[in-house]
N, C-alpha and C. Protein backbone atom coordinates (compact mmCIF):
# COMPACT_ATOMS: atom_id res chain seq x y z
N UNK A 1 -30.88 34.77 -25.19
CA UNK A 1 -32.26 34.53 -24.85
C UNK A 1 -32.95 33.87 -26.04
N UNK A 2 -33.77 32.87 -25.75
CA UNK A 2 -34.49 32.17 -26.79
C UNK A 2 -35.74 32.96 -27.17
N UNK A 3 -36.02 32.96 -28.43
CA UNK A 3 -37.24 33.62 -28.91
C UNK A 3 -38.15 32.58 -29.50
N UNK A 4 -39.44 32.78 -29.29
CA UNK A 4 -40.40 31.86 -29.89
C UNK A 4 -40.39 32.05 -31.39
N UNK A 5 -40.41 30.93 -32.10
CA UNK A 5 -40.42 30.98 -33.55
C UNK A 5 -41.20 29.77 -34.04
N UNK A 6 -42.20 30.03 -34.82
CA UNK A 6 -43.01 28.94 -35.37
C UNK A 6 -42.27 28.32 -36.55
N UNK A 7 -42.19 27.01 -36.55
CA UNK A 7 -41.57 26.30 -37.67
C UNK A 7 -42.68 25.94 -38.64
N UNK A 8 -42.52 26.35 -39.87
CA UNK A 8 -43.54 26.09 -40.86
C UNK A 8 -43.26 24.77 -41.57
N UNK A 9 -44.26 24.28 -42.28
CA UNK A 9 -44.10 23.01 -43.00
C UNK A 9 -43.14 23.13 -44.17
N UNK A 10 -42.78 24.34 -44.56
CA UNK A 10 -41.83 24.51 -45.67
C UNK A 10 -40.39 24.25 -45.22
N UNK A 11 -40.16 24.29 -43.91
CA UNK A 11 -38.82 23.98 -43.40
C UNK A 11 -38.66 22.47 -43.34
N UNK A 12 -37.53 21.99 -43.79
CA UNK A 12 -37.27 20.57 -43.83
C UNK A 12 -36.50 20.15 -42.58
N UNK A 13 -37.00 19.12 -41.93
CA UNK A 13 -36.28 18.57 -40.79
C UNK A 13 -35.20 17.66 -41.32
N UNK A 14 -33.98 17.88 -40.82
CA UNK A 14 -32.84 17.06 -41.21
C UNK A 14 -32.24 16.42 -39.96
N UNK A 15 -31.30 15.50 -40.19
CA UNK A 15 -30.63 14.82 -39.10
C UNK A 15 -29.13 14.81 -39.31
N UNK A 16 -28.41 14.74 -38.22
CA UNK A 16 -26.97 14.52 -38.25
C UNK A 16 -26.66 13.49 -37.18
N UNK A 17 -25.76 12.56 -37.50
CA UNK A 17 -25.42 11.48 -36.58
C UNK A 17 -23.91 11.30 -36.58
N UNK A 18 -23.34 11.14 -35.40
CA UNK A 18 -21.91 10.93 -35.29
C UNK A 18 -21.62 10.18 -33.99
N UNK A 19 -20.42 9.68 -33.89
CA UNK A 19 -19.96 9.05 -32.66
C UNK A 19 -18.59 9.61 -32.33
N UNK A 20 -18.41 9.99 -31.06
CA UNK A 20 -17.10 10.44 -30.62
C UNK A 20 -16.55 9.40 -29.64
N UNK A 21 -15.25 9.30 -29.59
CA UNK A 21 -14.58 8.41 -28.64
C UNK A 21 -13.81 9.26 -27.66
N UNK A 22 -13.96 8.94 -26.40
CA UNK A 22 -13.28 9.68 -25.33
C UNK A 22 -12.39 8.70 -24.57
N UNK A 23 -11.10 8.99 -24.54
CA UNK A 23 -10.16 8.21 -23.73
C UNK A 23 -10.18 8.79 -22.32
N UNK A 24 -10.54 7.98 -21.35
CA UNK A 24 -10.62 8.46 -19.98
C UNK A 24 -9.36 8.09 -19.21
N UNK A 25 -8.95 8.92 -18.26
CA UNK A 25 -7.76 8.60 -17.46
C UNK A 25 -8.08 7.69 -16.27
N UNK A 26 -9.34 7.39 -16.07
CA UNK A 26 -9.83 6.66 -14.90
C UNK A 26 -11.04 7.40 -14.38
N UNK A 27 -11.45 7.08 -13.18
CA UNK A 27 -12.68 7.64 -12.61
C UNK A 27 -12.64 9.17 -12.55
N UNK A 28 -13.77 9.77 -12.90
CA UNK A 28 -13.91 11.22 -12.82
C UNK A 28 -14.73 11.78 -13.95
N UNK A 29 -14.95 13.08 -13.91
CA UNK A 29 -15.75 13.78 -14.91
C UNK A 29 -14.84 14.38 -15.98
N UNK A 30 -15.16 14.11 -17.24
CA UNK A 30 -14.40 14.61 -18.37
C UNK A 30 -15.30 15.56 -19.15
N UNK A 31 -14.87 16.80 -19.32
CA UNK A 31 -15.67 17.81 -20.01
C UNK A 31 -15.67 17.52 -21.51
N UNK A 32 -16.86 17.28 -22.08
CA UNK A 32 -17.00 17.01 -23.52
C UNK A 32 -17.83 18.08 -24.20
N UNK A 33 -18.05 19.20 -23.52
CA UNK A 33 -18.89 20.28 -24.04
C UNK A 33 -18.39 20.78 -25.39
N UNK A 34 -17.11 21.04 -25.51
CA UNK A 34 -16.55 21.59 -26.74
C UNK A 34 -16.69 20.63 -27.91
N UNK A 35 -16.45 19.36 -27.67
CA UNK A 35 -16.58 18.37 -28.74
C UNK A 35 -18.02 18.27 -29.23
N UNK A 36 -18.96 18.34 -28.31
CA UNK A 36 -20.38 18.29 -28.69
C UNK A 36 -20.76 19.57 -29.42
N UNK A 37 -20.28 20.71 -28.95
CA UNK A 37 -20.54 21.98 -29.63
C UNK A 37 -19.99 21.97 -31.06
N UNK A 38 -18.83 21.37 -31.26
CA UNK A 38 -18.24 21.28 -32.60
C UNK A 38 -19.11 20.43 -33.52
N UNK A 39 -19.62 19.32 -33.00
CA UNK A 39 -20.51 18.47 -33.80
C UNK A 39 -21.75 19.26 -34.23
N UNK A 40 -22.35 19.99 -33.30
CA UNK A 40 -23.55 20.76 -33.62
C UNK A 40 -23.22 21.82 -34.68
N UNK A 41 -22.12 22.53 -34.50
CA UNK A 41 -21.75 23.58 -35.46
C UNK A 41 -21.49 23.00 -36.85
N UNK A 42 -20.80 21.87 -36.92
CA UNK A 42 -20.47 21.25 -38.20
C UNK A 42 -21.68 20.62 -38.88
N UNK A 43 -22.75 20.36 -38.11
CA UNK A 43 -23.94 19.73 -38.69
C UNK A 43 -24.67 20.65 -39.66
N UNK A 44 -24.52 21.97 -39.47
CA UNK A 44 -25.22 22.92 -40.30
C UNK A 44 -26.68 23.13 -39.88
N UNK A 45 -27.09 22.50 -38.80
CA UNK A 45 -28.46 22.66 -38.31
C UNK A 45 -28.49 23.79 -37.27
N UNK A 46 -29.44 24.68 -37.42
CA UNK A 46 -29.50 25.84 -36.53
C UNK A 46 -30.34 25.58 -35.29
N UNK A 47 -31.46 24.91 -35.46
CA UNK A 47 -32.40 24.69 -34.36
C UNK A 47 -32.84 23.24 -34.36
N UNK A 48 -32.93 22.66 -33.18
CA UNK A 48 -33.37 21.28 -33.12
C UNK A 48 -33.20 20.69 -31.74
N UNK A 49 -33.07 19.38 -31.72
CA UNK A 49 -32.96 18.64 -30.48
C UNK A 49 -31.81 17.65 -30.61
N UNK A 50 -30.88 17.72 -29.67
CA UNK A 50 -29.69 16.89 -29.65
C UNK A 50 -29.85 15.79 -28.62
N UNK A 51 -29.57 14.56 -29.02
CA UNK A 51 -29.51 13.44 -28.10
C UNK A 51 -28.05 13.01 -27.99
N UNK A 52 -27.59 12.85 -26.76
CA UNK A 52 -26.24 12.39 -26.48
C UNK A 52 -26.38 11.08 -25.69
N UNK A 53 -25.76 10.00 -26.19
CA UNK A 53 -25.93 8.68 -25.59
C UNK A 53 -24.58 7.99 -25.42
N UNK A 54 -24.27 7.56 -24.21
CA UNK A 54 -23.03 6.82 -23.96
C UNK A 54 -23.33 5.32 -24.04
N UNK A 55 -22.51 4.60 -24.80
CA UNK A 55 -22.76 3.19 -25.09
C UNK A 55 -22.07 2.25 -24.09
N UNK A 56 -22.23 2.55 -22.81
CA UNK A 56 -21.56 1.74 -21.79
C UNK A 56 -22.43 1.66 -20.54
N UNK A 57 -22.18 0.63 -19.72
CA UNK A 57 -22.95 0.46 -18.48
C UNK A 57 -22.14 0.83 -17.24
N UNK A 58 -20.92 1.28 -17.43
CA UNK A 58 -20.11 1.70 -16.29
C UNK A 58 -19.56 3.12 -16.46
N UNK A 59 -20.25 3.90 -17.29
CA UNK A 59 -19.97 5.32 -17.48
C UNK A 59 -21.32 6.00 -17.73
N UNK A 60 -21.37 7.30 -17.50
CA UNK A 60 -22.64 7.99 -17.68
C UNK A 60 -22.39 9.42 -18.17
N UNK A 61 -23.47 10.16 -18.31
CA UNK A 61 -23.41 11.55 -18.79
C UNK A 61 -24.07 12.47 -17.77
N UNK A 62 -23.52 13.66 -17.63
CA UNK A 62 -24.09 14.65 -16.72
C UNK A 62 -24.00 16.03 -17.34
N UNK A 63 -24.98 16.86 -17.05
CA UNK A 63 -24.85 18.30 -17.25
C UNK A 63 -24.61 18.84 -15.86
N UNK A 64 -23.47 19.53 -15.71
CA UNK A 64 -23.06 19.95 -14.38
C UNK A 64 -22.33 21.28 -14.45
N UNK A 65 -22.12 21.88 -13.29
CA UNK A 65 -21.41 23.16 -13.22
C UNK A 65 -20.02 23.03 -13.82
N UNK A 66 -19.64 24.04 -14.61
CA UNK A 66 -18.32 24.02 -15.25
C UNK A 66 -17.39 25.11 -14.72
N UNK A 67 -17.81 25.86 -13.72
CA UNK A 67 -17.00 26.98 -13.23
C UNK A 67 -16.08 26.58 -12.08
N UNK A 68 -16.60 25.88 -11.11
CA UNK A 68 -15.82 25.55 -9.91
C UNK A 68 -15.49 24.05 -9.92
N UNK A 69 -14.23 23.68 -10.07
CA UNK A 69 -13.85 22.26 -10.09
C UNK A 69 -14.15 21.53 -8.79
N UNK A 70 -14.38 22.27 -7.70
CA UNK A 70 -14.74 21.62 -6.43
C UNK A 70 -16.05 20.85 -6.54
N UNK A 71 -16.93 21.29 -7.44
CA UNK A 71 -18.20 20.58 -7.64
C UNK A 71 -17.90 19.15 -8.10
N UNK A 72 -17.00 18.98 -9.03
CA UNK A 72 -16.66 17.65 -9.54
C UNK A 72 -15.99 16.80 -8.45
N UNK A 73 -15.15 17.43 -7.66
CA UNK A 73 -14.50 16.72 -6.55
C UNK A 73 -15.55 16.24 -5.56
N UNK A 74 -16.49 17.11 -5.22
CA UNK A 74 -17.55 16.74 -4.27
C UNK A 74 -18.45 15.64 -4.81
N UNK A 75 -18.75 15.69 -6.12
CA UNK A 75 -19.55 14.62 -6.71
C UNK A 75 -18.82 13.28 -6.60
N UNK A 76 -17.53 13.27 -6.92
CA UNK A 76 -16.74 12.04 -6.80
C UNK A 76 -16.76 11.51 -5.36
N UNK A 77 -16.59 12.40 -4.40
CA UNK A 77 -16.60 11.99 -2.99
C UNK A 77 -17.97 11.43 -2.58
N UNK A 78 -19.03 12.07 -3.04
CA UNK A 78 -20.38 11.61 -2.73
C UNK A 78 -20.60 10.19 -3.26
N UNK A 79 -20.24 9.97 -4.54
CA UNK A 79 -20.44 8.65 -5.12
C UNK A 79 -19.53 7.60 -4.50
N UNK A 80 -18.36 8.01 -4.03
CA UNK A 80 -17.46 7.08 -3.34
C UNK A 80 -18.09 6.57 -2.04
N UNK A 81 -18.86 7.41 -1.38
CA UNK A 81 -19.57 6.98 -0.16
C UNK A 81 -20.81 6.16 -0.51
N UNK A 82 -21.49 6.56 -1.57
CA UNK A 82 -22.73 5.89 -1.95
C UNK A 82 -22.49 4.49 -2.50
N UNK A 83 -21.46 4.34 -3.32
CA UNK A 83 -21.11 3.04 -3.92
C UNK A 83 -19.60 2.86 -3.81
N UNK A 84 -19.12 2.47 -2.62
CA UNK A 84 -17.68 2.38 -2.40
C UNK A 84 -17.01 1.27 -3.20
N UNK A 85 -15.69 1.40 -3.36
CA UNK A 85 -14.90 0.41 -4.10
C UNK A 85 -14.56 -0.78 -3.20
N UNK A 86 -15.47 -1.23 -2.40
CA UNK A 86 -15.24 -2.33 -1.47
C UNK A 86 -15.78 -3.63 -2.05
N UNK A 87 -14.90 -4.54 -2.52
CA UNK A 87 -15.36 -5.76 -3.18
C UNK A 87 -16.13 -6.71 -2.26
N UNK A 88 -16.04 -6.53 -0.94
CA UNK A 88 -16.78 -7.40 -0.02
C UNK A 88 -18.28 -7.06 -0.01
N UNK A 89 -18.65 -5.92 -0.60
CA UNK A 89 -20.05 -5.50 -0.61
C UNK A 89 -20.85 -6.06 -1.78
N UNK A 90 -20.16 -6.60 -2.80
CA UNK A 90 -20.84 -6.95 -4.04
C UNK A 90 -20.54 -8.39 -4.46
N UNK A 91 -21.49 -8.98 -5.12
CA UNK A 91 -21.31 -10.32 -5.67
C UNK A 91 -20.65 -10.25 -7.05
N UNK A 92 -21.10 -9.30 -7.87
CA UNK A 92 -20.60 -9.17 -9.25
C UNK A 92 -19.22 -8.49 -9.23
N UNK A 93 -18.23 -9.17 -9.81
CA UNK A 93 -16.88 -8.59 -9.90
C UNK A 93 -16.16 -9.12 -11.14
N UNK A 94 -16.92 -9.43 -12.18
CA UNK A 94 -16.37 -10.04 -13.39
C UNK A 94 -15.18 -9.29 -13.96
N UNK A 95 -15.25 -7.97 -13.95
CA UNK A 95 -14.17 -7.16 -14.54
C UNK A 95 -13.34 -6.44 -13.49
N UNK A 96 -13.40 -6.89 -12.25
CA UNK A 96 -12.59 -6.29 -11.19
C UNK A 96 -13.42 -5.71 -10.08
N UNK A 97 -12.73 -5.25 -9.04
CA UNK A 97 -13.38 -4.74 -7.83
C UNK A 97 -14.18 -3.47 -8.08
N UNK A 98 -13.84 -2.73 -9.14
CA UNK A 98 -14.57 -1.48 -9.41
C UNK A 98 -15.77 -1.69 -10.34
N UNK A 99 -16.00 -2.93 -10.76
CA UNK A 99 -17.05 -3.20 -11.75
C UNK A 99 -18.45 -2.90 -11.22
N UNK A 100 -18.83 -3.50 -10.11
CA UNK A 100 -20.19 -3.29 -9.60
C UNK A 100 -20.41 -1.87 -9.09
N UNK A 101 -19.47 -1.26 -8.36
CA UNK A 101 -19.69 0.14 -7.98
C UNK A 101 -19.90 1.03 -9.21
N UNK A 102 -19.19 0.74 -10.30
CA UNK A 102 -19.37 1.53 -11.53
C UNK A 102 -20.77 1.36 -12.09
N UNK A 103 -21.29 0.14 -12.06
CA UNK A 103 -22.66 -0.09 -12.55
C UNK A 103 -23.68 0.65 -11.69
N UNK A 104 -23.49 0.64 -10.38
CA UNK A 104 -24.41 1.34 -9.49
C UNK A 104 -24.38 2.85 -9.76
N UNK A 105 -23.20 3.41 -9.90
CA UNK A 105 -23.06 4.84 -10.16
C UNK A 105 -23.69 5.22 -11.49
N UNK A 106 -23.53 4.37 -12.48
CA UNK A 106 -24.14 4.63 -13.78
C UNK A 106 -25.66 4.56 -13.70
N UNK A 107 -26.18 3.60 -12.94
CA UNK A 107 -27.63 3.46 -12.78
C UNK A 107 -28.25 4.66 -12.07
N UNK A 108 -27.48 5.32 -11.22
CA UNK A 108 -27.99 6.47 -10.47
C UNK A 108 -27.85 7.79 -11.22
N UNK A 109 -27.14 7.78 -12.31
CA UNK A 109 -26.98 8.99 -13.11
C UNK A 109 -27.77 8.79 -14.41
N UNK A 110 -27.17 8.99 -15.58
CA UNK A 110 -27.93 8.81 -16.82
C UNK A 110 -26.99 8.45 -17.96
N UNK A 111 -27.53 7.71 -18.91
CA UNK A 111 -26.75 7.35 -20.10
C UNK A 111 -27.16 8.17 -21.31
N UNK A 112 -28.24 8.94 -21.20
CA UNK A 112 -28.74 9.75 -22.31
C UNK A 112 -29.07 11.16 -21.82
N UNK A 113 -28.67 12.14 -22.63
CA UNK A 113 -29.05 13.54 -22.39
C UNK A 113 -29.80 14.04 -23.61
N UNK A 114 -30.78 14.89 -23.40
CA UNK A 114 -31.49 15.56 -24.48
C UNK A 114 -31.31 17.06 -24.27
N UNK A 115 -30.75 17.71 -25.29
CA UNK A 115 -30.38 19.11 -25.16
C UNK A 115 -30.95 19.90 -26.35
N UNK A 116 -31.69 20.98 -26.10
CA UNK A 116 -32.17 21.80 -27.21
C UNK A 116 -30.99 22.49 -27.91
N UNK A 117 -31.17 22.75 -29.19
CA UNK A 117 -30.19 23.48 -29.99
C UNK A 117 -30.89 24.70 -30.58
N UNK A 118 -30.27 25.87 -30.44
CA UNK A 118 -30.81 27.11 -31.02
C UNK A 118 -29.64 27.95 -31.52
N UNK A 119 -29.80 28.52 -32.68
CA UNK A 119 -28.74 29.34 -33.24
C UNK A 119 -27.47 28.56 -33.52
N UNK A 120 -27.59 27.27 -33.79
CA UNK A 120 -26.44 26.45 -34.11
C UNK A 120 -25.58 26.06 -32.91
N UNK A 121 -26.14 26.21 -31.68
CA UNK A 121 -25.39 25.88 -30.47
C UNK A 121 -26.28 25.14 -29.47
N UNK A 122 -25.71 24.21 -28.70
CA UNK A 122 -26.50 23.60 -27.62
C UNK A 122 -26.94 24.68 -26.64
N UNK A 123 -28.17 24.61 -26.18
CA UNK A 123 -28.69 25.59 -25.24
C UNK A 123 -28.35 25.11 -23.82
N UNK A 124 -27.32 25.73 -23.26
CA UNK A 124 -26.88 25.41 -21.91
C UNK A 124 -26.91 26.67 -21.07
N UNK A 125 -27.03 26.50 -19.77
CA UNK A 125 -26.98 27.64 -18.87
C UNK A 125 -25.56 28.18 -18.77
N UNK A 126 -25.42 29.35 -18.21
CA UNK A 126 -24.13 30.04 -18.11
C UNK A 126 -23.05 29.16 -17.49
N UNK A 127 -23.36 28.42 -16.46
CA UNK A 127 -22.36 27.63 -15.74
C UNK A 127 -22.49 26.15 -16.00
N UNK A 128 -23.14 25.75 -17.10
CA UNK A 128 -23.33 24.33 -17.38
C UNK A 128 -22.33 23.81 -18.40
N UNK A 129 -21.87 22.61 -18.16
CA UNK A 129 -21.03 21.89 -19.10
C UNK A 129 -21.56 20.48 -19.24
N UNK A 130 -21.18 19.80 -20.31
CA UNK A 130 -21.59 18.42 -20.56
C UNK A 130 -20.39 17.54 -20.23
N UNK A 131 -20.62 16.53 -19.40
CA UNK A 131 -19.53 15.69 -18.92
C UNK A 131 -19.81 14.21 -19.15
N UNK A 132 -18.75 13.51 -19.53
CA UNK A 132 -18.74 12.05 -19.47
C UNK A 132 -18.26 11.73 -18.05
N UNK A 133 -19.00 10.89 -17.36
CA UNK A 133 -18.63 10.51 -16.00
C UNK A 133 -18.11 9.08 -16.03
N UNK A 134 -16.80 8.95 -15.98
CA UNK A 134 -16.17 7.63 -15.95
C UNK A 134 -16.27 7.08 -14.54
N UNK A 135 -16.82 5.88 -14.41
CA UNK A 135 -17.00 5.28 -13.09
C UNK A 135 -16.00 4.17 -12.79
N UNK A 136 -15.14 3.84 -13.74
CA UNK A 136 -14.12 2.81 -13.51
C UNK A 136 -12.81 3.46 -13.09
N UNK A 137 -12.03 2.76 -12.28
CA UNK A 137 -10.78 3.31 -11.76
C UNK A 137 -9.68 3.39 -12.81
N UNK A 138 -9.73 2.53 -13.80
CA UNK A 138 -8.67 2.47 -14.80
C UNK A 138 -9.11 3.14 -16.10
N UNK A 139 -8.17 3.54 -16.95
CA UNK A 139 -8.51 4.19 -18.23
C UNK A 139 -9.37 3.30 -19.12
N UNK A 140 -10.26 3.93 -19.85
CA UNK A 140 -11.13 3.24 -20.82
C UNK A 140 -11.31 4.13 -22.04
N UNK A 141 -11.78 3.53 -23.12
CA UNK A 141 -12.19 4.27 -24.31
C UNK A 141 -13.71 4.19 -24.35
N UNK A 142 -14.36 5.34 -24.25
CA UNK A 142 -15.82 5.41 -24.21
C UNK A 142 -16.36 5.97 -25.51
N UNK A 143 -17.46 5.38 -25.97
CA UNK A 143 -18.08 5.77 -27.24
C UNK A 143 -19.40 6.47 -26.94
N UNK A 144 -19.54 7.66 -27.52
CA UNK A 144 -20.72 8.48 -27.29
C UNK A 144 -21.35 8.80 -28.64
N UNK A 145 -22.63 8.46 -28.78
CA UNK A 145 -23.38 8.71 -30.01
C UNK A 145 -24.07 10.06 -29.89
N UNK A 146 -23.95 10.87 -30.95
CA UNK A 146 -24.59 12.18 -31.02
C UNK A 146 -25.59 12.17 -32.16
N UNK A 147 -26.83 12.54 -31.88
CA UNK A 147 -27.88 12.56 -32.90
C UNK A 147 -28.62 13.88 -32.78
N UNK A 148 -28.62 14.64 -33.87
CA UNK A 148 -29.27 15.94 -33.88
C UNK A 148 -30.35 15.95 -34.96
N UNK A 149 -31.54 16.34 -34.56
CA UNK A 149 -32.65 16.51 -35.51
C UNK A 149 -33.08 17.97 -35.47
N UNK A 150 -33.27 18.55 -36.65
CA UNK A 150 -33.69 19.93 -36.67
C UNK A 150 -33.68 20.53 -38.06
N UNK A 151 -33.68 21.84 -38.09
CA UNK A 151 -33.70 22.55 -39.36
C UNK A 151 -32.57 23.57 -39.39
């Protein structure tokens, strides 16, 4: 449980910045919660605000349920109906048939997450995990910037 605590002017706000690379196997959700938690722990900052940013237009970030893998399966199925891999539906196909559906899926989700940090850990709900959502069918290397400000 979070407790209210006033931050005084004697506390110094510091920052930590890093980038992680995630090799994806293809389309789907990849749990990056532990890697982000490690960054926060190693930063030495106890309380603050974490920004997580994916540097791509065909992948995104989600905070989603981490208990039942069926949730991830259902999300994939939903997006497959919403933005199908049908090249006859799209004009843009510079990088292949999955290029434009990946851009649409990324536009409908998010490229940045903001997560509070308390007690040296990201503040997540009991069943929440942080995921990189790969929207391309083939493997990619995705770069995620982590920026933490706090004390």
